[in-house]
Protein backbone atom coordinates (compact mmCIF):
# COMPACT_ATOMS: atom_id res chain seq x y z
CA MET A 1 0.28 -0.07 0.21
CA ASP A 2 1.67 3.32 -0.96
CA PHE A 3 1.43 6.11 1.87
CA GLN A 4 -1.31 8.43 -0.51
CA GLN A 5 -3.49 5.23 -0.09
CA LEU A 6 -2.60 4.32 3.70
CA SER A 7 -3.23 8.22 4.88
CA GLN A 8 -6.25 8.23 3.10
CA GLU A 9 -7.59 4.83 3.95
CA ARG A 10 -6.78 5.08 7.71
CA TYR A 11 -9.79 5.64 10.01
CA SER A 12 -10.62 5.86 13.68
CA CYS A 13 -11.63 2.63 14.79
CA ARG A 14 -14.15 2.42 17.48
CA ALA A 15 -15.05 -1.07 17.60
CA PHE A 16 -12.68 -4.30 18.22
CA LYS A 17 -12.49 -7.89 18.24
CA ASP A 18 -11.79 -9.39 21.55
CA GLN A 19 -8.64 -11.06 19.78
CA PRO A 20 -4.77 -10.60 21.01
CA VAL A 21 -2.48 -8.54 19.10
CA PRO A 22 0.67 -10.64 18.44
CA GLU A 23 3.61 -9.56 19.99
CA ASP A 24 5.47 -9.20 16.56
CA LEU A 25 2.84 -6.92 15.31
CA LEU A 26 2.94 -4.95 18.57
CA LEU A 27 6.67 -4.40 18.32
CA ARG A 28 6.20 -3.33 14.66
CA VAL A 29 3.79 -0.61 15.63
CA LEU A 30 6.26 0.33 18.65
CA GLU A 31 9.42 0.43 16.20
CA ALA A 32 7.40 2.86 13.74
CA GLY A 33 6.92 5.61 16.97
CA ARG A 34 10.60 4.70 18.05
CA VAL A 35 11.74 6.31 14.82
CA ALA A 36 9.11 9.00 14.65
CA PRO A 37 11.20 12.33 14.14
CA THR A 38 11.89 14.58 17.05
CA ALA A 39 13.08 18.12 17.53
CA CYS A 40 16.73 18.11 17.66
CA ASN A 41 16.34 14.04 17.60
CA ARG A 42 15.79 14.31 21.39
CA GLN A 43 13.40 11.16 21.36
CA PRO A 44 10.95 12.31 24.12
CA GLN A 45 8.46 10.08 23.51
CA ARG A 46 7.18 7.11 25.52
CA VAL A 47 4.83 4.65 25.52
CA LYS A 48 3.21 2.55 28.31
CA ILE A 49 1.59 -0.26 27.18
CA VAL A 50 -1.52 -1.60 28.49
CA ARG A 51 -2.83 -5.11 27.94
CA THR A 52 -3.33 -6.93 30.94
CA PRO A 53 -6.76 -7.57 32.59
CA GLU A 54 -5.71 -5.45 35.67
CA ASP A 55 -3.98 -2.99 33.71
CA LEU A 56 -7.24 -2.20 31.39
CA ALA A 57 -9.89 -2.13 34.52
CA LYS A 58 -7.33 0.63 35.63
CA ILE A 59 -7.31 2.33 32.12
CA ASP A 60 -11.04 2.26 32.08
CA GLN A 61 -10.95 4.44 35.43
CA CYS A 62 -9.13 7.18 33.11
CA ILE A 63 -10.30 7.10 29.55
CA SER A 64 -13.67 7.99 28.11
CA ARG A 65 -14.14 5.12 26.05
CA ARG A 66 -11.75 1.86 24.77
CA PHE A 67 -14.36 0.30 22.61
CA GLY A 68 -13.22 -2.99 23.63
CA ALA A 69 -9.78 -2.58 22.49
CA PRO A 70 -7.28 -5.16 24.12
CA VAL A 71 -4.27 -3.38 23.83
CA VAL A 72 -4.01 0.66 24.76
CA LEU A 73 -1.00 2.53 23.61
CA VAL A 74 -0.42 5.26 26.45
CA VAL A 75 1.33 7.88 24.24
CA CYS A 76 3.57 10.23 26.71
CA TYR A 77 6.66 12.21 26.72
CA ASP A 78 9.18 13.17 29.03
CA ALA A 79 9.58 16.85 29.87
CA LYS A 80 13.29 16.17 30.79
CA ALA A 81 14.15 15.06 27.28
CA CYS A 82 12.19 17.68 25.28
CA TRP A 83 13.83 20.20 23.37
CA VAL A 84 12.93 23.80 24.56
CA ARG A 85 12.73 26.85 22.27
CA LYS A 86 15.20 29.61 23.11
CA GLY A 87 13.80 31.71 25.68
CA GLY A 88 12.03 28.33 27.13
CA HIS A 89 8.38 29.50 26.38
CA ALA A 90 8.11 26.48 24.10
CA SER A 91 8.57 22.90 24.52
CA SER A 92 8.67 19.85 21.62
CA GLY A 93 7.08 17.27 23.98
CA GLU A 94 3.67 17.47 22.92
CA ILE A 95 4.67 17.63 19.31
CA ASP A 96 7.17 14.96 19.64
CA ALA A 97 4.66 12.53 20.98
CA SER A 98 1.67 13.36 18.83
CA ILE A 99 4.46 12.90 15.75
CA ALA A 100 5.18 9.51 17.48
CA ALA A 101 1.30 8.64 17.79
CA THR A 102 0.91 9.54 14.24
CA HIS A 103 3.44 7.00 13.16
CA LEU A 104 2.13 4.23 15.85
CA MET A 105 -1.39 4.67 13.75
CA LEU A 106 -0.17 4.73 10.51
CA GLN A 107 1.90 1.58 11.42
CA ALA A 108 -0.73 -0.12 12.74
CA HIS A 109 -3.18 0.43 9.72
CA GLU A 110 -0.97 -1.20 7.49
CA LEU A 111 -0.54 -4.35 9.73
CA GLY A 112 -4.64 -4.67 9.40
CA LEU A 113 -5.10 -3.26 12.94
CA GLY A 114 -7.12 -0.73 13.71
CA THR A 115 -6.39 2.35 16.28
CA THR A 116 -8.04 5.65 17.20
CA TRP A 117 -6.66 8.54 19.11
CA VAL A 118 -8.41 9.33 22.41
CA MET A 119 -7.42 12.60 24.02
CA ASP A 120 -10.29 12.72 26.34
CA PHE A 121 -8.74 10.60 29.38
CA ASP A 122 -7.54 11.91 32.75
CA ALA A 123 -3.97 12.46 32.66
CA LYS A 124 -3.58 12.92 36.25
CA LYS A 125 -5.17 9.73 37.10
CA THR A 126 -3.53 8.08 34.61
CA VAL A 127 -0.13 9.06 35.96
CA LYS A 128 -1.06 8.00 39.41
CA LEU A 129 -2.52 4.62 38.39
CA PHE A 130 0.63 3.60 36.49
CA GLY A 131 2.98 4.99 38.78
CA LEU A 132 4.45 7.25 35.72
CA PRO A 133 7.08 9.64 36.91
CA LYS A 134 6.15 13.51 37.46
CA HIS A 135 8.03 14.61 34.23
CA VAL A 136 6.21 12.21 32.20
CA GLU A 137 3.10 13.83 30.77
CA PRO A 138 0.23 11.73 28.84
CA VAL A 139 -0.80 13.22 25.61
CA ALA A 140 -2.75 10.40 23.78
CA MET A 141 -4.45 6.86 24.30
CA LEU A 142 -4.78 4.78 21.55
CA PRO A 143 -6.78 1.59 21.54
CA LEU A 144 -5.41 -0.72 19.21
CA GLY A 145 -6.34 -4.37 17.79
CA TRP A 146 -8.33 -5.72 15.32
CA PRO A 147 -11.28 -4.03 14.01
CA ALA A 148 -14.57 -5.80 14.58
CA GLU A 149 -16.80 -6.87 11.90
CA ASP A 150 -18.99 -4.16 12.21
CA ALA A 151 -15.98 -1.58 12.47
CA ALA A 152 -16.25 1.41 9.62
CA PRO A 153 -15.22 5.11 9.23
CA SER A 154 -17.52 7.62 10.79
CA GLU A 155 -19.61 9.40 8.51
CA TRP A 156 -17.42 12.25 8.65
CA HIS A 157 -14.23 10.32 7.72
CA ALA A 158 -14.55 11.22 4.00
CA ARG A 159 -15.15 14.73 4.37
CA ARG A 160 -12.36 16.88 3.74
CA GLN A 161 -11.73 20.63 3.13
CA ALA A 162 -10.51 21.66 -0.34
CA MET A 163 -6.82 22.39 -0.89
CA GLU A 164 -7.48 25.97 -1.07
CA GLY A 165 -9.10 25.92 2.67
CA MET A 166 -5.80 24.54 3.86
CA LEU A 167 -3.64 26.83 2.18
CA LEU A 168 -2.92 30.12 3.53
């Protein structure tokens, strides 16, 4: 699949099969996030893999919806590892973690897995329940798994503004 097709076909999957994700595929997804570009190659992205029943029960206390996914990737950044703009007014952390999350989602789709970006979660509770270091900031949660038989893009998926609307 070429990149244009991949980027157009990938959608937010909101229904997953109750089927584990094989370790080799999970590692391929994670590798895509590992090699994502970051500011000054500081690589502050961090990913917490949530997949045990105990950890999924914890994540369900933090996230608005998991959609039955057997795995959730908690995409974070380490504030101690970020590049900071001169003057200290902007850190690359959230952007770097977002780029990594995008790579994770695109690689998952290429492998036949589904994901969705969930930003509606309790970051403080996530840090507490998973014992994340204080300098690690969760940015997004990515439910991950095999799309259910009835999984489909939302009705809004194909709605895109004209190129002129994007360009300044």
